[in-house]
Protein backbone atom coordinates (compact mmCIF):
# COMPACT_ATOMS: atom_id res chain seq x y z
CA MET A 1 97.72 178.42 142.14
CA SER A 2 94.61 180.68 141.71
CA LYS A 3 95.01 184.57 142.50
CA THR A 4 92.74 184.35 145.45
CA ALA A 5 94.78 181.53 147.01
CA PHE A 6 98.14 183.57 146.58
CA ILE A 7 96.45 186.92 148.25
CA ALA A 8 95.24 185.25 151.29
CA PRO A 9 98.58 183.93 152.87
CA ALA A 10 100.38 187.32 151.73
CA LEU A 11 97.57 189.10 153.54
CA LEU A 12 97.83 186.94 156.65
CA VAL A 13 101.78 187.43 156.59
CA SER A 14 101.36 191.32 156.27
CA LEU A 15 98.94 191.44 159.31
CA ILE A 16 101.21 189.32 161.41
CA ALA A 17 104.00 191.60 160.54
CA LEU A 18 102.38 194.68 161.34
CA GLY A 19 101.01 193.34 164.61
CA GLY A 20 104.62 192.40 165.71
CA CYS A 21 105.78 196.13 164.98
CA SER A 22 104.91 197.41 168.28
CA SER A 23 106.56 194.32 170.24
CA VAL A 24 109.61 194.63 168.24
CA ARG A 25 109.73 198.44 168.83
CA GLU A 26 109.23 197.96 172.69
CA THR A 27 111.53 195.06 172.84
CA VAL A 28 114.45 197.23 171.37
CA GLY A 29 113.63 200.57 172.94
CA GLY A 30 111.91 199.35 175.92
CA PRO A 31 108.34 199.95 177.09
CA GLN A 32 106.63 203.21 176.79
CA LEU A 33 104.06 204.92 178.86
CA THR A 34 100.43 204.88 177.60
CA ALA A 35 99.27 208.35 176.62
CA MET A 36 97.18 210.29 179.30
CA ALA A 37 93.44 210.03 178.50
CA TYR A 38 89.95 210.22 180.00
CA PRO A 39 89.20 206.62 181.30
CA ALA A 40 86.40 204.41 179.90
CA ALA A 41 83.30 204.22 182.04
CA LEU A 42 82.29 200.59 183.44
CA VAL A 43 78.91 200.88 181.93
CA PRO A 44 78.38 201.23 178.10
CA GLN A 45 77.53 204.94 177.83
CA GLU A 46 79.23 207.97 176.08
CA GLN A 47 81.40 210.19 178.26
CA SER A 48 82.42 213.66 177.54
CA VAL A 49 85.01 215.53 179.57
CA MET A 50 83.92 218.65 181.05
CA TYR A 51 86.31 221.47 181.63
CA PRO A 52 85.42 224.11 183.78
CA ALA A 53 84.69 227.61 182.33
CA GLN A 54 87.44 230.11 182.70
CA ASN A 55 87.21 232.76 185.04
CA ASN A 56 89.65 235.88 185.29
CA THR A 57 87.30 238.18 187.43
CA PRO A 58 89.55 239.68 189.86
CA ALA A 59 88.58 239.68 193.62
CA SER A 60 86.41 242.01 195.05
CA SER A 61 87.78 245.02 196.74
CA ASN A 62 88.83 244.30 200.42
CA SER A 63 87.31 240.72 200.02
CA LEU A 64 89.00 237.06 200.03
CA TRP A 65 86.23 235.67 197.45
CA ARG A 66 86.47 235.78 193.82
CA VAL A 67 83.11 235.39 191.74
CA GLY A 68 82.65 231.63 190.66
CA ALA A 69 85.33 230.47 193.22
CA ARG A 70 84.58 227.68 195.44
CA THR A 71 83.66 228.39 199.04
CA PHE A 72 85.13 227.42 202.18
CA PHE A 73 82.27 225.86 203.27
CA ASN A 74 80.49 223.70 200.51
CA ASP A 75 81.12 220.02 200.24
CA GLN A 76 84.59 219.47 198.17
CA ARG A 77 83.86 215.73 198.14
CA ALA A 78 83.81 214.09 194.63
CA ARG A 79 80.30 214.22 193.38
CA GLN A 80 80.30 214.66 189.79
CA VAL A 81 81.53 213.24 186.38
CA GLY A 82 85.11 214.41 186.22
CA ASP A 83 85.72 214.85 189.95
CA ILE A 84 88.96 213.29 191.57
CA LEU A 85 89.01 211.39 194.44
CA THR A 86 91.86 209.32 196.18
CA VAL A 87 91.57 205.47 196.48
CA GLN A 88 93.54 203.81 199.28
CA VAL A 89 94.49 200.31 198.35
CA VAL A 90 95.49 198.25 201.26
CA ILE A 91 95.46 194.55 200.79
CA ASP A 92 97.14 192.12 203.15
CA ASP A 93 95.39 188.92 202.65
CA SER A 94 96.50 185.40 203.30
CA ALA A 95 94.79 181.84 203.01
CA GLN A 96 95.64 178.35 203.72
CA THR A 97 93.89 175.20 203.04
CA SER A 98 94.68 171.56 203.34
CA ASP A 99 92.65 168.58 202.28
CA SER A 100 93.39 165.02 202.64
CA THR A 101 91.22 162.08 201.63
CA ASN A 102 91.82 158.22 201.97
CA ARG A 103 89.27 155.46 200.70
CA THR A 104 89.32 151.70 200.65
CA ARG A 105 86.68 149.24 199.32
CA THR A 106 86.68 145.55 199.12
CA ASN A 107 84.02 143.40 197.60
CA SER A 108 83.69 139.62 197.52
CA PHE A 109 81.02 137.69 195.77
CA SER A 110 80.56 134.11 195.29
CA ALA A 111 77.36 131.88 194.16
CA ALA A 112 76.86 128.03 193.82
CA THR A 113 74.60 126.21 191.17
CA PRO A 114 74.51 122.62 192.40
CA SER A 115 71.18 122.20 190.67
CA VAL A 116 70.17 123.71 187.43
CA PHE A 117 66.85 122.33 186.35
CA GLY A 118 68.55 118.83 186.42
CA LEU A 119 71.02 119.89 183.73
CA GLU A 120 73.99 120.32 185.93
CA SER A 121 75.52 116.98 184.17
CA SER A 122 74.97 118.32 180.80
CA LEU A 123 76.44 121.71 181.68
CA GLY A 124 79.62 119.84 182.65
CA LYS A 125 80.16 118.72 179.20
CA ILE A 126 79.29 121.87 177.35
CA LEU A 127 81.60 124.32 179.86
CA PRO A 128 85.00 123.95 180.29
CA GLY A 129 86.58 121.24 182.25
CA GLY A 130 87.10 123.54 185.36
CA TYR A 131 83.37 124.06 185.91
CA ASN A 132 82.41 123.23 189.20
CA ALA A 133 78.80 123.56 190.43
CA SER A 134 79.78 124.57 193.95
CA LYS A 135 81.72 127.39 192.98
CA ALA A 136 79.69 128.70 189.62
CA LEU A 137 80.13 132.35 190.10
CA GLY A 138 82.73 134.29 192.16
CA ASN A 139 84.21 137.51 192.22
CA ASP A 140 86.74 139.52 194.46
CA SER A 141 87.62 143.11 193.96
CA THR A 142 89.45 145.79 195.79
CA SER A 143 89.89 149.48 195.10
CA THR A 144 91.97 152.01 197.03
CA GLY A 145 92.29 155.80 196.58
CA ALA A 146 94.12 158.62 198.24
CA GLY A 147 94.64 162.02 197.74
CA SER A 148 95.96 165.14 199.41
CA GLY A 149 96.20 169.20 198.41
CA SER A 150 97.09 172.23 200.05
CA VAL A 151 96.71 175.76 199.16
CA LYS A 152 98.87 178.55 200.79
CA ARG A 153 98.59 182.10 199.51
CA SER A 154 99.73 185.27 200.77
CA GLU A 155 99.36 188.87 199.25
CA LYS A 156 100.28 192.41 200.40
CA ILE A 157 99.66 195.72 198.55
CA SER A 158 99.82 199.12 200.09
CA VAL A 159 99.18 201.79 197.26
CA THR A 160 97.38 205.04 196.83
CA ILE A 161 95.87 206.32 193.50
CA ALA A 162 93.86 209.43 192.25
CA ALA A 163 90.94 208.34 190.41
CA ILE A 164 88.27 210.14 188.40
CA VAL A 165 84.54 209.82 188.62
CA THR A 166 83.41 208.67 185.10
CA GLY A 167 79.81 208.21 185.88
CA VAL A 168 76.76 208.72 188.34
CA LEU A 169 74.28 205.79 188.57
CA PRO A 170 70.44 206.86 188.99
CA ASN A 171 70.49 206.01 192.85
CA GLY A 172 73.75 208.36 193.02
CA ASN A 173 76.47 205.91 193.37
CA LEU A 174 79.75 206.70 191.65
CA ILE A 175 81.60 204.81 189.30
CA VAL A 176 85.27 205.37 189.81
CA GLN A 177 88.31 204.55 187.62
CA GLY A 178 91.87 205.39 187.90
CA THR A 179 95.18 204.23 186.16
CA GLN A 180 98.74 205.09 187.44
CA GLU A 181 102.08 204.27 185.46
CA VAL A 182 105.34 204.26 186.71
CA LYS A 183 108.57 204.02 184.52
CA THR A 184 111.85 202.97 186.04
CA ASN A 185 114.47 202.11 183.41
CA ARG A 186 112.88 199.72 181.10
CA GLU A 187 110.10 198.74 183.21
CA VAL A 188 106.53 199.95 183.68
CA ARG A 189 104.43 199.32 186.81
CA VAL A 190 100.63 199.78 186.02
CA LEU A 191 98.19 200.17 188.77
CA SER A 192 94.68 200.13 187.67
CA VAL A 193 91.56 200.81 189.95
CA ALA A 194 87.61 200.44 189.23
CA GLY A 195 84.62 200.27 191.11
CA ILE A 196 81.40 201.57 192.18
CA ALA A 197 81.21 203.72 195.35
CA ARG A 198 78.78 205.38 197.59
CA PRO A 199 79.00 209.05 197.96
CA GLU A 200 78.49 208.62 201.87
CA ASP A 201 81.67 206.40 201.91
CA VAL A 202 83.77 209.26 200.62
CA SER A 203 85.50 210.74 203.51
CA SER A 204 85.93 214.48 204.30
CA THR A 205 89.45 214.30 203.08
CA ASN A 206 87.82 213.13 199.49
CA THR A 207 89.41 209.43 200.25
CA ILE A 208 87.94 206.21 199.76
CA LYS A 209 89.14 202.58 200.89
CA HIS A 210 89.38 199.94 198.21
CA THR A 211 87.13 197.68 200.56
CA GLN A 212 84.39 200.36 199.97
CA LEU A 213 84.34 199.77 196.36
CA ALA A 214 81.59 197.31 194.93
CA GLU A 215 82.73 195.21 191.85
CA ALA A 216 86.23 196.29 192.51
CA ARG A 217 88.64 195.51 189.94
CA ILE A 218 92.37 196.06 191.00
CA SER A 219 95.33 195.30 188.92
CA TYR A 220 98.92 195.77 189.72
CA GLY A 221 101.36 194.62 187.11
CA GLY A 222 103.75 195.88 184.53
CA ARG A 223 105.58 195.42 181.27
CA GLY A 224 108.98 195.61 180.24
CA ASP A 225 112.28 193.63 180.63
CA ILE A 226 111.65 191.91 184.12
CA THR A 227 108.10 191.12 183.20
CA ASN A 228 109.28 189.54 179.73
CA MET A 229 111.89 187.43 181.67
CA GLN A 230 109.51 185.95 184.17
CA ALA A 231 106.99 185.10 181.54
CA PRO A 232 107.34 181.50 179.82
CA PRO A 233 107.85 181.33 176.24
CA ALA A 234 104.87 181.54 173.88
CA ALA A 235 105.34 178.09 172.68
CA GLN A 236 105.80 176.62 175.89
CA ALA A 237 102.91 178.40 177.45
CA LEU A 238 100.67 176.77 174.69
CA MET A 239 102.13 173.30 175.14
CA GLU A 240 101.58 173.58 178.85
CA LYS A 241 97.83 174.81 178.35
CA TYR A 242 96.62 172.75 175.50
CA SER A 243 98.71 169.55 175.91
CA PRO A 244 96.55 166.41 176.25
CA PHE A 245 99.40 164.51 177.99
């Protein structure tokens, strides 16, 4: 065996082992929360985290105002990259569809050839003994088909999440993204929301509904012991997906 042929399998085994380290660690110690980070924008552009400048100037004498502080009268709704707003996700959807199809078709065909250019007597000698010129061609066929299907779906989610404005489009629309993770024992529940919002749809309480997000992407799931038990084994999932039978 050549040296190259030996190195390739060894490298593949090493990569598999490294990729499985995190899974083994999570299986033994339970899932860990993802490190807090600035969310990525939906559009391909570089984003930089903006930190407000520190202002330690004391309030003026006999005044409620501090230099550089936000005023009581300015619009406090999210408008710029880095601003935070609240997204209310309230989903209560249900759908039901039922279809039924039945079809039947019967065909019958027959043809007689009592005279074929005066060769009918010769045809009787060439063709099998059962040849009958009055019933030279005949066909009967019947086909039936029946099908039915039904879909019944119901889902209900009611959560609230704080999201961040990660971009502002040229027309002023806001790109909003937010992720929330909650860990209970050995299960992590993850809620992710992303979409594009109009500034006019942000309420005076700096809140927006998920139905007002265009290109909304809402994910609510988790990882941990319960999720692992609900998922089928990897080999079984592959067989069900790619089995030709």
